Amino acid sequence: NNKYKNTMNIITGPTGLGKTWATFNYIVPELFDNKDLQLIIYSYPTTEIWEESYKSYITDNTSSDIHVVNEVVRAKSKLKQGKKVFLHLSNQALVVESSGLDFLDYITTDTSLNSKIGIFCDEVNQWMTSDPSNYKNVQGWKTKVKCMMYKKIAELSDITPYCFGLTATPQAEQRGELLPIGNMKYKIVKENKTKAIQDIIFMIGLGGFAYLLFFIIYICG
């Protein structure tokens, strides 16, 4: 649905509320099973964020045969075999290393994957400033970094509506205090609670207990 493209939906709430747990137990399985996604990427600023238990959360709650991998070479190979892939890796591996950038180019130019890709960026407040000219107002200091994380996720948001961020502390661009420089906007659910919940439910197809769970998360956020 083009209505939801060019947007990153920020799942927010206090640390310990269960954002990550709900993501792996409900959102990711629903996207694979009910929206028939072929690839979901989960990226994080430090490797310590990933826990091996997340793998079983995904595989135990999906009816699909999901291949959980942490290397872009393996992800690309499985995709070419027609397999469904969950790729987890660091932001560094995704948008700084050449292999990650090549992989992103591959999935954004393969038209068969359009709207079949999802991405979740954990601690999205840290790496997602849209442009160096905004960096000081967002992160508090100047930088010469190229802000590749925002730019590459924005490219993905051109072809898929399933772009999500996780954070307890959204930054100024994400809170709407500073306009992003680029084509992807942010939506924090708590700013328009009921409408945003309805949008997420419509996009993902959640129901029953999961609906209640996310309602609690978003209202508390």
C-alpha atoms as a PDB file:
ATOM      1  CA  ASN A   1       0.000   0.000   0.000  1.00  0.00           C
ATOM      2  CA  ASN A   2       1.644   3.223  -1.174  1.00  0.00           C
ATOM      3  CA  LYS A   3      -0.038   5.128   1.657  1.00  0.00           C
ATOM      4  CA  TYR A   4       2.423   3.628   4.121  1.00  0.00           C
ATOM      5  CA  LYS A   5       5.610   3.930   2.078  1.00  0.00           C
ATOM      6  CA  ASN A   6       8.308   6.529   2.717  1.00  0.00           C
ATOM      7  CA  THR A   7       7.600   6.245   6.434  1.00  0.00           C
ATOM      8  CA  MET A   8       9.443   4.681   9.337  1.00  0.00           C
ATOM      9  CA  ASN A   9       7.051   3.705  12.131  1.00  0.00           C
ATOM     10  CA  ILE A  10       8.712   4.136  15.513  1.00  0.00           C
ATOM     11  CA  ILE A  11       7.734   1.579  18.167  1.00  0.00           C
ATOM     12  CA  THR A  12       8.501   3.411  21.372  1.00  0.00           C
ATOM     13  CA  GLY A  13       8.085   2.902  25.084  1.00  0.00           C
ATOM     14  CA  PRO A  14      10.148   2.678  28.275  1.00  0.00           C
ATOM     15  CA  THR A  15      13.054   0.247  28.461  1.00  0.00           C
ATOM     16  CA  GLY A  16      11.810  -3.118  29.689  1.00  0.00           C
ATOM     17  CA  LEU A  17       8.266  -2.686  28.393  1.00  0.00           C
ATOM     18  CA  GLY A  18       8.646  -5.500  25.865  1.00  0.00           C
ATOM     19  CA  LYS A  19       9.110  -3.783  22.488  1.00  0.00           C
ATOM     20  CA  THR A  20      11.707  -6.289  21.285  1.00  0.00           C
ATOM     21  CA  TRP A  21       9.885  -9.301  22.714  1.00  0.00           C
ATOM     22  CA  ALA A  22       6.641  -8.271  21.002  1.00  0.00           C
ATOM     23  CA  THR A  23       8.473  -7.582  17.744  1.00  0.00           C
ATOM     24  CA  PHE A  24       9.952 -11.083  17.504  1.00  0.00           C
ATOM     25  CA  ASN A  25       6.966 -12.965  18.922  1.00  0.00           C
ATOM     26  CA  TYR A  26       4.214 -11.167  17.033  1.00  0.00           C
ATOM     27  CA  ILE A  27       5.127  -8.591  14.397  1.00  0.00           C
ATOM     28  CA  VAL A  28       7.860 -10.544  12.611  1.00  0.00           C
ATOM     29  CA  PRO A  29       5.871 -13.821  12.462  1.00  0.00           C
ATOM     30  CA  GLU A  30       2.776 -11.969  11.232  1.00  0.00           C
ATOM     31  CA  LEU A  31       4.762 -10.259   8.493  1.00  0.00           C
ATOM     32  CA  PHE A  32       6.198 -13.564   7.287  1.00  0.00           C
ATOM     33  CA  ASP A  33       2.949 -15.538   7.517  1.00  0.00           C
ATOM     34  CA  ASN A  34       0.158 -13.071   6.748  1.00  0.00           C
ATOM     35  CA  LYS A  35       1.932 -10.500   4.579  1.00  0.00           C
ATOM     36  CA  ASP A  36       4.149 -13.090   2.856  1.00  0.00           C
ATOM     37  CA  LEU A  37       7.363 -11.112   3.274  1.00  0.00           C
ATOM     38  CA  GLN A  38      10.439 -12.745   1.782  1.00  0.00           C
ATOM     39  CA  LEU A  39      13.069 -10.872   3.781  1.00  0.00           C
ATOM     40  CA  ILE A  40      13.122  -9.129   7.148  1.00  0.00           C
ATOM     41  CA  ILE A  41      16.261  -7.313   8.290  1.00  0.00           C
ATOM     42  CA  TYR A  42      16.936  -6.555  11.943  1.00  0.00           C
ATOM     43  CA  SER A  43      19.821  -4.146  12.499  1.00  0.00           C
ATOM     44  CA  TYR A  44      21.345  -2.902  15.735  1.00  0.00           C
ATOM     45  CA  PRO A  45      24.123  -0.473  16.745  1.00  0.00           C
ATOM     46  CA  THR A  46      26.072  -3.028  18.826  1.00  0.00           C
ATOM     47  CA  THR A  47      26.232  -6.807  18.509  1.00  0.00           C
ATOM     48  CA  GLU A  48      25.409  -7.256  22.215  1.00  0.00           C
ATOM     49  CA  ILE A  49      21.791  -6.328  21.460  1.00  0.00           C
ATOM     50  CA  TRP A  50      21.153  -9.569  19.567  1.00  0.00           C
ATOM     51  CA  GLU A  51      20.293 -12.582  21.743  1.00  0.00           C
ATOM     52  CA  GLU A  52      20.151 -16.114  20.398  1.00  0.00           C
ATOM     53  CA  SER A  53      16.762 -16.614  22.036  1.00  0.00           C
ATOM     54  CA  TYR A  54      15.296 -14.225  19.455  1.00  0.00           C
ATOM     55  CA  LYS A  55      15.814 -16.897  16.808  1.00  0.00           C
ATOM     56  CA  SER A  56      13.487 -19.331  18.565  1.00  0.00           C
ATOM     57  CA  TYR A  57      10.907 -16.571  19.120  1.00  0.00           C
ATOM     58  CA  ILE A  58      10.703 -16.169  15.352  1.00  0.00           C
ATOM     59  CA  THR A  59      10.853 -19.807  14.279  1.00  0.00           C
ATOM     60  CA  ASP A  60       8.489 -21.020  17.027  1.00  0.00           C
ATOM     61  CA  ASN A  61       5.796 -18.487  16.134  1.00  0.00           C
ATOM     62  CA  THR A  62       5.763 -18.765  12.343  1.00  0.00           C
ATOM     63  CA  SER A  63       4.233 -21.410  10.133  1.00  0.00           C
ATOM     64  CA  SER A  64       6.712 -20.461   7.401  1.00  0.00           C
ATOM     65  CA  ASP A  65      10.166 -22.014   6.997  1.00  0.00           C
ATOM     66  CA  ILE A  66      12.362 -19.110   8.071  1.00  0.00           C
ATOM     67  CA  HIS A  67      16.129 -19.081   7.601  1.00  0.00           C
ATOM     68  CA  VAL A  68      17.716 -16.949  10.326  1.00  0.00           C
ATOM     69  CA  VAL A  69      21.158 -15.755   9.201  1.00  0.00           C
ATOM     70  CA  ASN A  70      23.665 -13.090  10.195  1.00  0.00           C
ATOM     71  CA  GLU A  71      25.672 -12.693   6.981  1.00  0.00           C
ATOM     72  CA  VAL A  72      24.553 -10.925   3.813  1.00  0.00           C
ATOM     73  CA  VAL A  73      26.184 -13.576   1.603  1.00  0.00           C
ATOM     74  CA  ARG A  74      24.041 -16.301   3.179  1.00  0.00           C
ATOM     75  CA  ALA A  75      20.955 -14.093   3.046  1.00  0.00           C
ATOM     76  CA  LYS A  76      21.407 -13.436  -0.672  1.00  0.00           C
ATOM     77  CA  SER A  77      21.994 -17.132  -1.387  1.00  0.00           C
ATOM     78  CA  LYS A  78      18.814 -18.157   0.452  1.00  0.00           C
ATOM     79  CA  LEU A  79      16.778 -15.444  -1.281  1.00  0.00           C
ATOM     80  CA  LYS A  80      17.935 -16.681  -4.666  1.00  0.00           C
ATOM     81  CA  GLN A  81      16.723 -20.152  -3.655  1.00  0.00           C
ATOM     82  CA  GLY A  82      13.286 -18.675  -2.960  1.00  0.00           C
ATOM     83  CA  LYS A  83      13.630 -19.059   0.814  1.00  0.00           C
ATOM     84  CA  LYS A  84      12.238 -16.696   3.438  1.00  0.00           C
ATOM     85  CA  VAL A  85      15.065 -14.991   5.298  1.00  0.00           C
ATOM     86  CA  PHE A  86      15.493 -13.173   8.594  1.00  0.00           C
ATOM     87  CA  LEU A  87      18.828 -11.342   8.501  1.00  0.00           C
ATOM     88  CA  HIS A  88      20.229  -9.841  11.702  1.00  0.00           C
ATOM     89  CA  LEU A  89      23.398  -7.770  11.671  1.00  0.00           C
ATOM     90  CA  SER A  90      24.995  -4.611  13.009  1.00  0.00           C
ATOM     91  CA  ASN A  91      24.420  -1.198  11.487  1.00  0.00           C
ATOM     92  CA  GLN A  92      28.125  -1.169  10.642  1.00  0.00           C
ATOM     93  CA  ALA A  93      27.782  -4.374   8.625  1.00  0.00           C
ATOM     94  CA  LEU A  94      24.640  -3.111   6.902  1.00  0.00           C
ATOM     95  CA  VAL A  95      25.464   0.447   5.827  1.00  0.00           C
ATOM     96  CA  VAL A  96      29.232   0.924   6.235  1.00  0.00           C
ATOM     97  CA  GLU A  97      30.790  -2.288   4.956  1.00  0.00           C
ATOM     98  CA  SER A  98      30.731  -2.746   1.190  1.00  0.00           C
ATOM     99  CA  SER A  99      29.081  -6.170   1.415  1.00  0.00           C
ATOM    100  CA  GLY A 100      26.108  -4.687   3.253  1.00  0.00           C
ATOM    101  CA  LEU A 101      25.766  -1.799   0.820  1.00  0.00           C
ATOM    102  CA  ASP A 102      25.945  -4.197  -2.128  1.00  0.00           C
ATOM    103  CA  PHE A 103      23.230  -6.329  -0.548  1.00  0.00           C
ATOM    104  CA  LEU A 104      20.963  -3.308  -0.050  1.00  0.00           C
ATOM    105  CA  ASP A 105      21.498  -2.332  -3.688  1.00  0.00           C
ATOM    106  CA  TYR A 106      20.581  -5.877  -4.698  1.00  0.00           C
ATOM    107  CA  ILE A 107      17.313  -6.036  -2.761  1.00  0.00           C
ATOM    108  CA  THR A 108      16.177  -2.531  -3.764  1.00  0.00           C
ATOM    109  CA  THR A 109      16.730  -3.188  -7.467  1.00  0.00           C
ATOM    110  CA  ASP A 110      15.203  -6.686  -7.569  1.00  0.00           C
ATOM    111  CA  THR A 111      11.604  -5.817  -8.439  1.00  0.00           C
ATOM    112  CA  SER A 112      10.372  -9.257  -7.360  1.00  0.00           C
ATOM    113  CA  LEU A 113      11.130  -8.189  -3.771  1.00  0.00           C
ATOM    114  CA  ASN A 114       9.103  -4.961  -3.906  1.00  0.00           C
ATOM    115  CA  SER A 115       6.831  -4.823  -0.841  1.00  0.00           C
ATOM    116  CA  LYS A 116       8.279  -8.194   0.211  1.00  0.00           C
ATOM    117  CA  ILE A 117      10.933  -6.661   2.470  1.00  0.00           C
ATOM    118  CA  GLY A 118      10.722  -5.465   6.065  1.00  0.00           C
ATOM    119  CA  ILE A 119      13.313  -3.830   8.286  1.00  0.00           C
ATOM    120  CA  PHE A 120      13.532  -3.200  12.009  1.00  0.00           C
ATOM    121  CA  CYS A 121      16.230  -0.828  13.285  1.00  0.00           C
ATOM    122  CA  ASP A 122      16.857  -1.170  17.013  1.00  0.00           C
ATOM    123  CA  GLU A 123      17.965   1.837  19.074  1.00  0.00           C
ATOM    124  CA  VAL A 124      16.894   3.861  16.058  1.00  0.00           C
ATOM    125  CA  ASN A 125      17.691   7.139  17.813  1.00  0.00           C
ATOM    126  CA  GLN A 126      21.438   6.509  17.456  1.00  0.00           C
ATOM    127  CA  TRP A 127      22.164   6.080  13.744  1.00  0.00           C
ATOM    128  CA  MET A 128      19.215   7.613  11.919  1.00  0.00           C
ATOM    129  CA  THR A 129      19.989  11.312  11.568  1.00  0.00           C
ATOM    130  CA  SER A 130      18.993  12.196   8.028  1.00  0.00           C
ATOM    131  CA  ASP A 131      21.806  14.572   7.029  1.00  0.00           C
ATOM    132  CA  PRO A 132      25.090  15.961   8.435  1.00  0.00           C
ATOM    133  CA  SER A 133      23.566  19.452   8.505  1.00  0.00           C
ATOM    134  CA  ASN A 134      21.000  18.221  11.057  1.00  0.00           C
ATOM    135  CA  TYR A 135      23.458  16.192  13.097  1.00  0.00           C
ATOM    136  CA  LYS A 136      24.395  18.794  15.718  1.00  0.00           C
ATOM    137  CA  ASN A 137      20.755  19.558  16.504  1.00  0.00           C
ATOM    138  CA  VAL A 138      19.909  15.862  16.694  1.00  0.00           C
ATOM    139  CA  GLN A 139      22.930  14.266  18.385  1.00  0.00           C
ATOM    140  CA  GLY A 140      24.533  17.312  20.007  1.00  0.00           C
ATOM    141  CA  TRP A 141      27.778  17.530  18.034  1.00  0.00           C
ATOM    142  CA  LYS A 142      28.962  18.130  14.493  1.00  0.00           C
ATOM    143  CA  THR A 143      30.104  15.305  12.271  1.00  0.00           C
ATOM    144  CA  LYS A 144      31.372  14.491   8.806  1.00  0.00           C
ATOM    145  CA  VAL A 145      29.579  11.136   8.598  1.00  0.00           C
ATOM    146  CA  LYS A 146      27.467  10.533   5.511  1.00  0.00           C
ATOM    147  CA  CYS A 147      24.323   9.504   7.431  1.00  0.00           C
ATOM    148  CA  MET A 148      24.096   6.364   5.310  1.00  0.00           C
ATOM    149  CA  MET A 149      21.706   4.602   7.656  1.00  0.00           C
ATOM    150  CA  TYR A 150      18.906   7.064   6.979  1.00  0.00           C
ATOM    151  CA  LYS A 151      19.680   7.282   3.265  1.00  0.00           C
ATOM    152  CA  LYS A 152      19.640   3.514   2.692  1.00  0.00           C
ATOM    153  CA  ILE A 153      16.525   2.881   4.789  1.00  0.00           C
ATOM    154  CA  ALA A 154      14.833   5.747   2.945  1.00  0.00           C
ATOM    155  CA  GLU A 155      15.571   3.914  -0.313  1.00  0.00           C
ATOM    156  CA  LEU A 156      13.947   0.791   1.119  1.00  0.00           C
ATOM    157  CA  SER A 157      10.927   2.835   2.183  1.00  0.00           C
ATOM    158  CA  ASP A 158      10.371   3.699  -1.501  1.00  0.00           C
ATOM    159  CA  ILE A 159       9.520   0.066  -2.221  1.00  0.00           C
ATOM    160  CA  THR A 160       8.058  -1.265   1.031  1.00  0.00           C
ATOM    161  CA  PRO A 161       5.804   0.049   3.797  1.00  0.00           C
ATOM    162  CA  TYR A 162       7.341  -2.263   6.390  1.00  0.00           C
ATOM    163  CA  CYS A 163      10.033  -0.021   7.890  1.00  0.00           C
ATOM    164  CA  PHE A 164      10.145   0.098  11.686  1.00  0.00           C
ATOM    165  CA  GLY A 165      12.324   1.566  14.399  1.00  0.00           C
ATOM    166  CA  LEU A 166      12.602   0.597  18.071  1.00  0.00           C
ATOM    167  CA  THR A 167      13.675   3.028  20.774  1.00  0.00           C
ATOM    168  CA  ALA A 168      12.879   4.282  24.255  1.00  0.00           C
ATOM    169  CA  THR A 169      14.197   7.755  23.390  1.00  0.00           C
ATOM    170  CA  PRO A 170      13.287   9.053  19.906  1.00  0.00           C
ATOM    171  CA  GLN A 171      15.499  11.888  18.700  1.00  0.00           C
ATOM    172  CA  ALA A 172      14.479  15.358  17.467  1.00  0.00           C
ATOM    173  CA  GLU A 173      13.745  14.377  13.852  1.00  0.00           C
ATOM    174  CA  GLN A 174      11.700  11.414  15.035  1.00  0.00           C
ATOM    175  CA  ARG A 175       9.765  13.567  17.528  1.00  0.00           C
ATOM    176  CA  GLY A 176       8.899  16.032  14.760  1.00  0.00           C
ATOM    177  CA  GLU A 177      10.938  18.889  16.207  1.00  0.00           C
ATOM    178  CA  LEU A 178      13.263  18.971  13.187  1.00  0.00           C
ATOM    179  CA  LEU A 179      12.392  18.040   9.621  1.00  0.00           C
ATOM    180  CA  PRO A 180      14.386  15.134   8.143  1.00  0.00           C
ATOM    181  CA  ILE A 181      16.325  16.025   5.003  1.00  0.00           C
ATOM    182  CA  GLY A 182      15.153  13.280   2.692  1.00  0.00           C
ATOM    183  CA  ASN A 183      12.069  11.495   1.441  1.00  0.00           C
ATOM    184  CA  MET A 184      11.378   9.326   4.499  1.00  0.00           C
ATOM    185  CA  LYS A 185       9.357  10.696   7.387  1.00  0.00           C
ATOM    186  CA  TYR A 186       8.912   9.298  10.873  1.00  0.00           C
ATOM    187  CA  LYS A 187       5.720   8.340  12.671  1.00  0.00           C
ATOM    188  CA  ILE A 188       5.698   7.833  16.421  1.00  0.00           C
ATOM    189  CA  VAL A 189       2.526   6.067  17.374  1.00  0.00           C
ATOM    190  CA  LYS A 190       1.838   7.951  20.580  1.00  0.00           C
ATOM    191  CA  GLU A 191       1.430  11.251  18.706  1.00  0.00           C
ATOM    192  CA  ASN A 192      -1.847   9.992  17.225  1.00  0.00           C
ATOM    193  CA  LYS A 193      -2.473   6.889  19.258  1.00  0.00           C
ATOM    194  CA  THR A 194      -5.708   5.478  17.923  1.00  0.00           C
ATOM    195  CA  LYS A 195      -5.066   6.243  14.246  1.00  0.00           C
ATOM    196  CA  ALA A 196      -1.494   4.980  14.362  1.00  0.00           C
ATOM    197  CA  ILE A 197      -2.508   1.752  16.091  1.00  0.00           C
ATOM    198  CA  GLN A 198      -5.148   1.191  13.433  1.00  0.00           C
ATOM    199  CA  ASP A 199      -2.551   1.805  10.707  1.00  0.00           C
ATOM    200  CA  ILE A 200      -0.121  -0.731  12.183  1.00  0.00           C
ATOM    201  CA  ILE A 201      -2.859  -3.308  12.684  1.00  0.00           C
ATOM    202  CA  PHE A 202      -4.039  -2.799   9.102  1.00  0.00           C
ATOM    203  CA  MET A 203      -0.512  -3.108   7.707  1.00  0.00           C
ATOM    204  CA  ILE A 204       0.429  -6.214   9.654  1.00  0.00           C
ATOM    205  CA  GLY A 205      -2.916  -7.921  10.198  1.00  0.00           C
ATOM    206  CA  LEU A 206      -2.590  -8.466  13.934  1.00  0.00           C
ATOM    207  CA  GLY A 207      -5.614  -9.496  15.968  1.00  0.00           C
ATOM    208  CA  GLY A 208      -6.777 -10.714  19.354  1.00  0.00           C
ATOM    209  CA  PHE A 209      -4.150 -10.732  22.073  1.00  0.00           C
ATOM    210  CA  ALA A 210      -1.525  -9.138  19.825  1.00  0.00           C
ATOM    211  CA  TYR A 211      -3.826  -6.177  19.174  1.00  0.00           C
ATOM    212  CA  LEU A 212      -4.267  -5.684  22.918  1.00  0.00           C
ATOM    213  CA  LEU A 213      -0.533  -6.059  23.496  1.00  0.00           C
ATOM    214  CA  PHE A 214       0.378  -3.388  20.985  1.00  0.00           C
ATOM    215  CA  PHE A 215      -2.374  -1.099  22.193  1.00  0.00           C
ATOM    216  CA  ILE A 216      -0.786  -1.249  25.641  1.00  0.00           C
ATOM    217  CA  ILE A 217       2.698  -0.683  24.256  1.00  0.00           C
ATOM    218  CA  TYR A 218       1.683   2.326  22.182  1.00  0.00           C
ATOM    219  CA  ILE A 219      -0.414   3.975  24.876  1.00  0.00           C
ATOM    220  CA  CYS A 220       2.351   3.503  27.445  1.00  0.00           C
ATOM    221  CA  GLY A 221       4.830   4.879  24.916  1.00  0.00           C
END
